[in-house]
Amino acid sequence: MKQVTTWLQAFWKDEEGLGTLEILLIVAVLVAVAIIFRKWIVSWFQKLIGDANTNLTNDSTVTPCAPSPTTSCSP
């Protein structure tokens, strides 16, 4: 147990930053995931935007409010 604690303390105190290789590997993995799931991501985003647009156009109960020094927008 002492060995693990010593290793964790040394790891925590290590001030060496991320290198270029690590950053490139992270970016490569993110790009690969985006390419693999691009159709799902695009359809999810279009559905999200479409739902928001539908909610905005169908919600006529909310009146637009432009606050000024004499008016308040709180209900």
N, C-alpha and C. Protein backbone atom coordinates (compact mmCIF):
# COMPACT_ATOMS: atom_id res chain seq x y z
N MET A 1 0.83 -1.19 0.00
CA MET A 1 0.00 0.00 0.00
C MET A 1 0.88 1.26 0.00
N LYS A 2 1.99 1.17 0.68
CA LYS A 2 2.91 2.30 0.74
C LYS A 2 3.45 2.64 -0.65
N GLN A 3 3.68 1.62 -1.45
CA GLN A 3 4.19 1.81 -2.80
C GLN A 3 3.18 2.57 -3.67
N VAL A 4 1.92 2.23 -3.54
CA VAL A 4 0.87 2.90 -4.31
C VAL A 4 0.75 4.35 -3.89
N THR A 5 0.79 4.60 -2.59
CA THR A 5 0.71 5.96 -2.08
C THR A 5 1.88 6.80 -2.57
N THR A 6 3.06 6.22 -2.54
CA THR A 6 4.26 6.92 -3.02
C THR A 6 4.13 7.24 -4.50
N TRP A 7 3.66 6.27 -5.27
CA TRP A 7 3.49 6.49 -6.72
C TRP A 7 2.46 7.58 -6.99
N LEU A 8 1.33 7.55 -6.26
CA LEU A 8 0.30 8.58 -6.45
C LEU A 8 0.82 9.97 -6.09
N GLN A 9 1.58 10.07 -5.03
CA GLN A 9 2.14 11.37 -4.65
C GLN A 9 3.12 11.86 -5.70
N ALA A 10 3.95 10.98 -6.22
CA ALA A 10 4.90 11.37 -7.26
C ALA A 10 4.17 11.78 -8.54
N PHE A 11 3.12 11.05 -8.87
CA PHE A 11 2.32 11.39 -10.05
C PHE A 11 1.66 12.75 -9.88
N TRP A 12 1.14 13.02 -8.69
CA TRP A 12 0.45 14.28 -8.43
C TRP A 12 1.42 15.46 -8.51
N LYS A 13 2.65 15.27 -8.04
CA LYS A 13 3.63 16.35 -8.01
C LYS A 13 4.35 16.52 -9.34
N ASP A 14 4.17 15.59 -10.26
CA ASP A 14 4.84 15.68 -11.57
C ASP A 14 4.31 16.89 -12.32
N GLU A 15 5.18 17.79 -12.70
CA GLU A 15 4.78 19.02 -13.36
C GLU A 15 5.01 18.99 -14.86
N GLU A 16 5.32 17.85 -15.39
CA GLU A 16 5.54 17.75 -16.83
C GLU A 16 4.19 17.86 -17.53
N GLY A 17 4.10 18.76 -18.48
CA GLY A 17 2.84 19.00 -19.17
C GLY A 17 2.59 18.00 -20.28
N LEU A 18 1.47 18.18 -20.94
CA LEU A 18 1.15 17.32 -22.08
C LEU A 18 2.06 17.67 -23.24
N GLY A 19 2.51 16.65 -23.91
CA GLY A 19 3.36 16.85 -25.07
C GLY A 19 2.55 16.92 -26.34
N THR A 20 3.22 17.24 -27.42
CA THR A 20 2.57 17.36 -28.71
C THR A 20 1.96 16.04 -29.15
N LEU A 21 2.63 14.95 -28.89
CA LEU A 21 2.12 13.64 -29.29
C LEU A 21 0.81 13.32 -28.59
N GLU A 22 0.72 13.61 -27.31
CA GLU A 22 -0.51 13.34 -26.59
C GLU A 22 -1.67 14.17 -27.14
N ILE A 23 -1.41 15.43 -27.41
CA ILE A 23 -2.45 16.30 -27.96
C ILE A 23 -2.89 15.80 -29.33
N LEU A 24 -1.94 15.41 -30.18
CA LEU A 24 -2.28 14.90 -31.50
C LEU A 24 -3.09 13.61 -31.42
N LEU A 25 -2.77 12.75 -30.47
CA LEU A 25 -3.52 11.51 -30.29
C LEU A 25 -4.96 11.80 -29.84
N ILE A 26 -5.13 12.74 -28.95
CA ILE A 26 -6.48 13.11 -28.49
C ILE A 26 -7.29 13.68 -29.65
N VAL A 27 -6.69 14.57 -30.43
CA VAL A 27 -7.38 15.15 -31.57
C VAL A 27 -7.73 14.07 -32.60
N ALA A 28 -6.81 13.15 -32.84
CA ALA A 28 -7.07 12.08 -33.81
C ALA A 28 -8.23 11.20 -33.36
N VAL A 29 -8.30 10.89 -32.09
CA VAL A 29 -9.41 10.08 -31.57
C VAL A 29 -10.72 10.84 -31.71
N LEU A 30 -10.72 12.12 -31.38
CA LEU A 30 -11.95 12.91 -31.51
C LEU A 30 -12.42 13.00 -32.96
N VAL A 31 -11.49 13.18 -33.88
CA VAL A 31 -11.84 13.24 -35.30
C VAL A 31 -12.38 11.89 -35.76
N ALA A 32 -11.76 10.82 -35.33
CA ALA A 32 -12.22 9.48 -35.71
C ALA A 32 -13.63 9.22 -35.20
N VAL A 33 -13.91 9.59 -33.98
CA VAL A 33 -15.25 9.41 -33.42
C VAL A 33 -16.25 10.26 -34.18
N ALA A 34 -15.89 11.49 -34.51
CA ALA A 34 -16.79 12.37 -35.27
C ALA A 34 -17.07 11.79 -36.66
N ILE A 35 -16.08 11.23 -37.29
CA ILE A 35 -16.27 10.64 -38.62
C ILE A 35 -17.14 9.38 -38.53
N ILE A 36 -16.88 8.55 -37.54
CA ILE A 36 -17.64 7.31 -37.40
C ILE A 36 -19.11 7.59 -37.11
N PHE A 37 -19.38 8.56 -36.24
CA PHE A 37 -20.76 8.84 -35.83
C PHE A 37 -21.34 10.08 -36.50
N ARG A 38 -20.80 10.52 -37.64
CA ARG A 38 -21.23 11.79 -38.23
C ARG A 38 -22.70 11.79 -38.62
N LYS A 39 -23.21 10.69 -39.18
CA LYS A 39 -24.62 10.67 -39.57
C LYS A 39 -25.52 10.78 -38.35
N TRP A 40 -25.18 10.08 -37.29
CA TRP A 40 -25.97 10.16 -36.07
C TRP A 40 -25.89 11.55 -35.46
N ILE A 41 -24.72 12.16 -35.45
CA ILE A 41 -24.54 13.49 -34.88
C ILE A 41 -25.34 14.52 -35.69
N VAL A 42 -25.27 14.43 -37.02
CA VAL A 42 -25.99 15.38 -37.88
C VAL A 42 -27.50 15.23 -37.68
N SER A 43 -28.00 14.00 -37.65
CA SER A 43 -29.44 13.81 -37.47
C SER A 43 -29.89 14.28 -36.10
N TRP A 44 -29.09 14.03 -35.07
CA TRP A 44 -29.43 14.50 -33.73
C TRP A 44 -29.47 16.02 -33.68
N PHE A 45 -28.49 16.68 -34.31
CA PHE A 45 -28.45 18.14 -34.31
C PHE A 45 -29.63 18.73 -35.09
N GLN A 46 -29.96 18.13 -36.23
CA GLN A 46 -31.10 18.62 -37.01
C GLN A 46 -32.40 18.44 -36.25
N LYS A 47 -32.56 17.32 -35.55
CA LYS A 47 -33.75 17.10 -34.75
C LYS A 47 -33.83 18.12 -33.62
N LEU A 48 -32.70 18.38 -32.99
CA LEU A 48 -32.64 19.34 -31.89
C LEU A 48 -33.05 20.73 -32.37
N ILE A 49 -32.49 21.17 -33.48
CA ILE A 49 -32.81 22.49 -34.03
C ILE A 49 -34.26 22.52 -34.51
N GLY A 50 -34.71 21.44 -35.16
CA GLY A 50 -36.09 21.38 -35.63
C GLY A 50 -37.09 21.44 -34.49
N ASP A 51 -36.82 20.71 -33.40
CA ASP A 51 -37.71 20.74 -32.24
C ASP A 51 -37.75 22.13 -31.62
N ALA A 52 -36.60 22.76 -31.52
CA ALA A 52 -36.55 24.12 -30.95
C ALA A 52 -37.32 25.08 -31.84
N ASN A 53 -37.17 24.98 -33.14
CA ASN A 53 -37.88 25.85 -34.07
C ASN A 53 -39.39 25.62 -33.97
N THR A 54 -39.81 24.36 -33.89
CA THR A 54 -41.23 24.04 -33.78
C THR A 54 -41.81 24.61 -32.48
N ASN A 55 -41.07 24.46 -31.40
CA ASN A 55 -41.54 24.99 -30.12
C ASN A 55 -41.65 26.50 -30.15
N LEU A 56 -40.72 27.15 -30.81
CA LEU A 56 -40.77 28.61 -30.88
C LEU A 56 -41.93 29.10 -31.74
N THR A 57 -42.19 28.43 -32.86
CA THR A 57 -43.26 28.89 -33.74
C THR A 57 -44.63 28.52 -33.20
N ASN A 58 -44.76 27.45 -32.43
CA ASN A 58 -46.06 27.03 -31.91
C ASN A 58 -46.41 27.65 -30.57
N ASP A 59 -45.46 28.25 -29.89
CA ASP A 59 -45.71 28.80 -28.56
C ASP A 59 -46.15 30.26 -28.67
N SER A 60 -47.45 30.45 -28.76
CA SER A 60 -47.98 31.81 -28.89
C SER A 60 -48.39 32.39 -27.55
N THR A 61 -48.19 31.65 -26.46
CA THR A 61 -48.58 32.14 -25.14
C THR A 61 -47.54 33.09 -24.56
N VAL A 62 -46.34 33.05 -25.05
CA VAL A 62 -45.28 33.89 -24.52
C VAL A 62 -45.22 35.18 -25.33
N THR A 63 -45.37 36.28 -24.65
CA THR A 63 -45.29 37.57 -25.33
C THR A 63 -43.84 38.05 -25.29
N PRO A 64 -43.37 38.62 -26.38
CA PRO A 64 -42.00 39.12 -26.38
C PRO A 64 -41.87 40.29 -25.40
N CYS A 65 -40.73 40.39 -24.80
CA CYS A 65 -40.52 41.44 -23.81
C CYS A 65 -39.19 42.12 -24.08
N ALA A 66 -39.23 43.43 -24.12
CA ALA A 66 -38.03 44.22 -24.25
C ALA A 66 -37.92 45.08 -23.00
N PRO A 67 -37.07 44.70 -22.06
CA PRO A 67 -37.00 45.46 -20.80
C PRO A 67 -36.45 46.86 -21.03
N SER A 68 -36.96 47.76 -20.26
CA SER A 68 -36.49 49.14 -20.28
C SER A 68 -36.40 49.63 -18.85
N PRO A 69 -35.92 50.83 -18.63
CA PRO A 69 -35.83 51.32 -17.24
C PRO A 69 -37.18 51.39 -16.53
N THR A 70 -38.26 51.52 -17.28
CA THR A 70 -39.56 51.66 -16.64
C THR A 70 -40.38 50.38 -16.64
N THR A 71 -39.98 49.37 -17.40
CA THR A 71 -40.74 48.11 -17.44
C THR A 71 -39.85 46.95 -17.01
N SER A 72 -40.52 45.88 -16.59
CA SER A 72 -39.81 44.68 -16.17
C SER A 72 -40.37 43.49 -16.94
N CYS A 73 -39.54 42.53 -17.23
CA CYS A 73 -39.97 41.34 -17.95
C CYS A 73 -40.32 40.18 -17.04
N SER A 74 -40.23 40.36 -15.76
CA SER A 74 -40.53 39.26 -14.85
C SER A 74 -42.05 39.04 -14.81
N PRO A 75 -42.47 37.78 -14.70
CA PRO A 75 -43.91 37.48 -14.70
C PRO A 75 -44.62 37.96 -13.48
